[in-house]
Amino acid sequence: MIELYSWPAPNGHKLHILLEELAIPYEVVPIDITSGAQHTPSYRAINANGKIPAIVDHAPSDGGGPVTVFESGAIMMYLTEKEGRFLPQDVRQRIEVLQWLFWQVGGLGPMMGQAQHFFRYASEKVPYATTRYQTETKRLLKILDDRLETRAYICSDYSIVDMACFPWIRVHKMTGITLDDFPNVKAWYGRVRSRPAVGQAIELLKDRWVDVTTSEQAKHNLFRAG
């Protein structure tokens, strides 16, 4: 059994999608990041970085004690290697998937996150910061759009890269950016969104979602608390 510590946010949705696609048993443990649950000592013992998601695998492949994993990219690699799906074994295909996965966790996600923060959440408007991160987000979307010009998915087949990118593309409106200028990304988004497992995944914990713009306490817990 996999214990999934998560919340309805893009990095959480990556793992919601993967676990639904793998169709393996898992139990969700909500970590309300808007109330500060990610900063509690009990959760920090699972994830030293105090972010979501994290997992505890109570049936690891080596037969030993429970394995704890944090950081969304590391969790995706761990689960796909264990289950033998969505991460190719072929050396060339595997490195292709991994480089695009790292592109997402090191670029697309952080840049869209900052664009979203300064466009939607920042109490004090900082035009330079908003423009800076929107511009970088558009640059990354153009890279993805070019990549998708001649293919249905980001790599040879549907993989963890598509699952990792999808939740961030899903919140593009919250960054103040439209997909109209990126038609290949827009078409890819529709293909991924139509998958039953993806539809089920984004409904997970949906009733717990909080509009952070309406709560100064939520902003504090997300953006200022240590």
Protein backbone atom coordinates (compact mmCIF):
# COMPACT_ATOMS: atom_id res chain seq x y z
CA MET A 1 0.00 0.00 0.00
CA ILE A 2 1.18 3.50 -0.90
CA GLU A 3 0.40 6.35 1.49
CA LEU A 4 0.18 9.54 -0.57
CA TYR A 5 0.59 12.81 1.31
CA SER A 6 -0.87 15.41 -0.99
CA TRP A 7 -3.15 18.39 -1.69
CA PRO A 8 -5.06 19.56 -4.80
CA ALA A 9 -2.20 21.58 -6.29
CA PRO A 10 -0.11 20.97 -9.43
CA ASN A 11 2.68 19.00 -7.79
CA GLY A 12 0.14 16.91 -5.94
CA HIS A 13 -1.85 16.31 -9.10
CA LYS A 14 1.23 14.79 -10.76
CA LEU A 15 1.11 11.91 -8.30
CA HIS A 16 -2.68 11.70 -8.33
CA ILE A 17 -2.46 11.11 -12.09
CA LEU A 18 0.38 8.61 -11.90
CA LEU A 19 -1.24 6.50 -9.19
CA GLU A 20 -4.55 6.46 -11.05
CA GLU A 21 -2.77 5.49 -14.27
CA LEU A 22 -0.87 2.71 -12.49
CA ALA A 23 -4.10 1.49 -10.85
CA ILE A 24 -2.27 0.32 -7.74
CA PRO A 25 -3.65 0.53 -4.18
CA TYR A 26 -3.01 3.83 -2.43
CA GLU A 27 -4.42 5.87 0.42
CA VAL A 28 -4.53 9.65 0.40
CA VAL A 29 -3.45 11.56 3.49
CA PRO A 30 -4.49 15.19 2.95
CA ILE A 31 -1.85 17.76 3.88
CA ASP A 32 -3.66 21.09 3.99
CA ILE A 33 -0.93 23.44 2.83
CA THR A 34 -3.28 26.41 3.25
CA SER A 35 -3.58 25.75 6.99
CA GLY A 36 0.13 25.08 7.47
CA ALA A 37 0.00 21.28 7.87
CA GLN A 38 3.16 20.98 5.77
CA HIS A 39 5.14 22.71 8.52
CA THR A 40 4.21 20.36 11.35
CA PRO A 41 6.96 18.20 12.90
CA SER A 42 5.06 15.02 12.01
CA TYR A 43 5.01 15.89 8.31
CA ARG A 44 8.57 17.26 8.33
CA ALA A 45 9.62 13.82 9.55
CA ILE A 46 8.28 12.48 6.24
CA ASN A 47 9.31 15.39 4.02
CA ALA A 48 12.18 17.49 5.34
CA ASN A 49 11.42 20.15 2.71
CA GLY A 50 7.91 20.76 4.03
CA LYS A 51 6.20 20.60 0.64
CA ILE A 52 3.77 18.25 -1.06
CA PRO A 53 3.72 15.52 -2.24
CA ALA A 54 5.43 12.67 -0.41
CA ILE A 55 4.79 8.95 -0.21
CA VAL A 56 5.42 6.08 2.15
CA ASP A 57 5.60 2.71 0.40
CA HIS A 58 4.72 -0.03 2.87
CA ALA A 59 5.52 -2.81 0.38
CA PRO A 60 8.83 -1.86 -1.28
CA SER A 61 10.28 -4.16 -3.89
CA ASP A 62 13.25 -5.14 -1.71
CA GLY A 63 10.91 -6.60 0.91
CA GLY A 64 12.31 -4.39 3.66
CA GLY A 65 10.70 -1.77 5.84
CA PRO A 66 8.66 1.18 4.54
CA VAL A 67 10.33 3.52 2.06
CA THR A 68 9.68 7.26 2.26
CA VAL A 69 10.14 9.44 -0.83
CA PHE A 70 9.65 13.18 -1.29
CA GLU A 71 10.02 15.50 -4.31
CA SER A 72 7.52 14.83 -7.11
CA GLY A 73 10.09 13.86 -9.75
CA ALA A 74 11.82 11.40 -7.44
CA ILE A 75 8.48 9.86 -6.46
CA MET A 76 7.48 9.46 -10.11
CA MET A 77 10.77 7.75 -10.91
CA TYR A 78 10.49 5.49 -7.86
CA LEU A 79 6.96 4.33 -8.66
CA THR A 80 7.49 3.84 -12.38
CA GLU A 81 10.70 1.90 -11.84
CA LYS A 82 8.96 -0.27 -9.28
CA GLU A 83 5.91 -0.93 -11.49
CA GLY A 84 7.75 -1.05 -14.82
CA ARG A 85 5.41 1.36 -16.61
CA PHE A 86 5.53 4.89 -18.06
CA LEU A 87 9.35 5.04 -17.89
CA PRO A 88 11.01 3.18 -20.79
CA GLN A 89 13.73 0.60 -20.21
CA ASP A 90 15.40 1.31 -23.56
CA VAL A 91 18.43 3.49 -22.83
CA ARG A 92 17.74 6.16 -25.46
CA GLN A 93 14.04 6.40 -24.76
CA ARG A 94 14.65 6.43 -21.02
CA ILE A 95 17.08 9.35 -21.11
CA GLU A 96 14.69 11.23 -23.37
CA VAL A 97 11.94 10.89 -20.77
CA LEU A 98 14.26 11.76 -17.89
CA GLN A 99 15.62 14.91 -19.49
CA TRP A 100 12.12 16.22 -20.14
CA LEU A 101 11.06 15.26 -16.62
CA PHE A 102 13.95 17.29 -15.22
CA TRP A 103 13.02 20.11 -17.61
CA GLN A 104 9.61 20.17 -15.97
CA VAL A 105 10.74 19.99 -12.35
CA GLY A 106 13.57 22.48 -12.87
CA GLY A 107 11.93 24.87 -15.32
CA LEU A 108 8.29 24.70 -16.30
CA GLY A 109 6.93 24.10 -12.80
CA PRO A 110 9.00 26.68 -10.90
CA MET A 111 8.62 29.36 -13.57
CA MET A 112 4.85 28.90 -13.86
CA GLY A 113 4.66 28.82 -10.07
CA GLN A 114 6.41 32.17 -9.81
CA ALA A 115 4.33 33.63 -12.63
CA GLN A 116 1.19 32.48 -10.84
CA HIS A 117 2.40 33.92 -7.54
CA PHE A 118 3.16 37.40 -8.82
CA PHE A 119 0.14 37.55 -11.15
CA ARG A 120 -2.45 36.13 -8.76
CA TYR A 121 -1.31 35.99 -5.15
CA ALA A 122 1.21 38.73 -4.41
CA SER A 123 -0.30 41.35 -2.08
CA GLU A 124 2.05 43.94 -3.54
CA LYS A 125 2.14 44.13 -7.33
CA VAL A 126 5.64 43.92 -8.74
CA PRO A 127 5.43 44.53 -12.51
CA TYR A 128 9.06 43.57 -13.13
CA ALA A 129 8.63 40.19 -11.43
CA THR A 130 5.31 39.48 -13.13
CA THR A 131 6.74 40.26 -16.56
CA ARG A 132 9.93 38.34 -15.84
CA TYR A 133 8.19 35.08 -14.97
CA GLN A 134 5.45 35.38 -17.58
CA THR A 135 8.11 35.91 -20.24
CA GLU A 136 10.06 32.86 -19.10
CA THR A 137 6.88 30.79 -18.95
CA LYS A 138 6.07 31.76 -22.54
CA ARG A 139 9.58 30.80 -23.60
CA LEU A 140 9.15 27.36 -22.04
CA LEU A 141 5.70 26.93 -23.56
CA LYS A 142 7.17 27.73 -26.97
CA ILE A 143 9.77 24.99 -26.44
CA LEU A 144 6.99 22.56 -25.55
CA ASP A 145 4.86 23.70 -28.48
CA ASP A 146 7.73 23.09 -30.89
CA ARG A 147 8.32 19.69 -29.33
CA LEU A 148 4.68 18.70 -29.84
CA GLU A 149 4.48 19.85 -33.46
CA THR A 150 5.09 16.36 -34.85
CA ARG A 151 4.10 14.09 -31.96
CA ALA A 152 1.07 13.27 -29.85
CA TYR A 153 2.96 13.19 -26.55
CA ILE A 154 6.13 14.81 -25.28
CA CYS A 155 8.21 11.66 -25.78
CA SER A 156 7.71 8.54 -27.88
CA ASP A 157 4.68 7.42 -25.86
CA TYR A 158 2.53 8.73 -23.05
CA SER A 159 4.78 8.84 -19.99
CA ILE A 160 5.49 10.46 -16.65
CA VAL A 161 6.60 13.57 -18.54
CA ASP A 162 3.06 14.20 -19.78
CA MET A 163 1.73 13.53 -16.27
CA ALA A 164 4.25 15.95 -14.78
CA CYS A 165 3.63 18.78 -17.25
CA PHE A 166 -0.16 18.52 -17.46
CA PRO A 167 -1.05 19.90 -13.98
CA TRP A 168 1.05 23.00 -14.53
CA ILE A 169 -0.36 23.65 -17.99
CA ARG A 170 -3.79 23.21 -16.41
CA VAL A 171 -3.30 26.35 -14.27
CA HIS A 172 -2.05 28.55 -17.12
CA LYS A 173 -4.89 31.05 -16.69
CA MET A 174 -3.69 31.71 -13.15
CA THR A 175 -0.40 32.92 -14.61
CA GLY A 176 -2.17 35.40 -16.91
CA ILE A 177 -1.13 33.47 -20.02
CA THR A 178 -3.33 32.01 -22.74
CA LEU A 179 -2.66 28.81 -24.68
CA ASP A 180 -4.00 30.36 -27.88
CA ASP A 181 -0.45 31.15 -28.94
CA PHE A 182 0.60 27.54 -28.36
CA PRO A 183 -1.80 25.40 -30.45
CA ASN A 184 0.21 22.19 -30.18
CA VAL A 185 0.28 22.45 -26.39
CA LYS A 186 -3.44 23.15 -26.42
CA ALA A 187 -4.15 20.03 -28.51
CA TRP A 188 -1.85 17.91 -26.33
CA TYR A 189 -3.63 19.20 -23.23
CA GLY A 190 -6.94 17.98 -24.62
CA ARG A 191 -5.51 14.52 -25.36
CA VAL A 192 -4.16 14.13 -21.85
CA ARG A 193 -7.27 15.58 -20.21
CA SER A 194 -9.47 13.04 -22.01
CA ARG A 195 -7.77 10.08 -20.32
CA PRO A 196 -10.10 8.56 -17.67
CA ALA A 197 -7.33 8.29 -15.08
CA VAL A 198 -6.52 11.99 -15.48
CA GLY A 199 -10.15 12.94 -15.03
CA GLN A 200 -10.34 10.88 -11.84
CA ALA A 201 -7.05 12.28 -10.55
CA ILE A 202 -7.98 15.94 -10.75
CA GLU A 203 -11.19 15.24 -8.83
CA LEU A 204 -9.17 13.85 -5.94
CA LEU A 205 -9.40 16.20 -2.92
CA LYS A 206 -11.22 18.74 -5.11
CA ASP A 207 -13.64 19.48 -2.29
CA ARG A 208 -10.69 20.57 -0.12
CA TRP A 209 -9.47 23.26 -2.54
CA VAL A 210 -9.11 26.75 -1.06
CA ASP A 211 -9.00 30.00 -3.05
CA VAL A 212 -5.82 31.44 -1.60
CA THR A 213 -6.63 34.92 -2.89
CA THR A 214 -9.46 35.15 -0.33
CA SER A 215 -7.40 34.22 2.74
CA GLU A 216 -4.46 36.13 4.20
CA GLN A 217 -3.86 33.24 6.58
CA ALA A 218 -3.57 30.81 3.67
CA LYS A 219 -1.10 33.16 1.98
CA HIS A 220 0.95 33.29 5.16
CA ASN A 221 1.03 29.52 5.49
CA LEU A 222 1.97 29.05 1.83
CA PHE A 223 4.39 31.89 1.24
CA ARG A 224 5.80 33.16 4.55
CA ALA A 225 5.82 30.40 7.12
CA GLY A 226 9.09 28.64 7.76
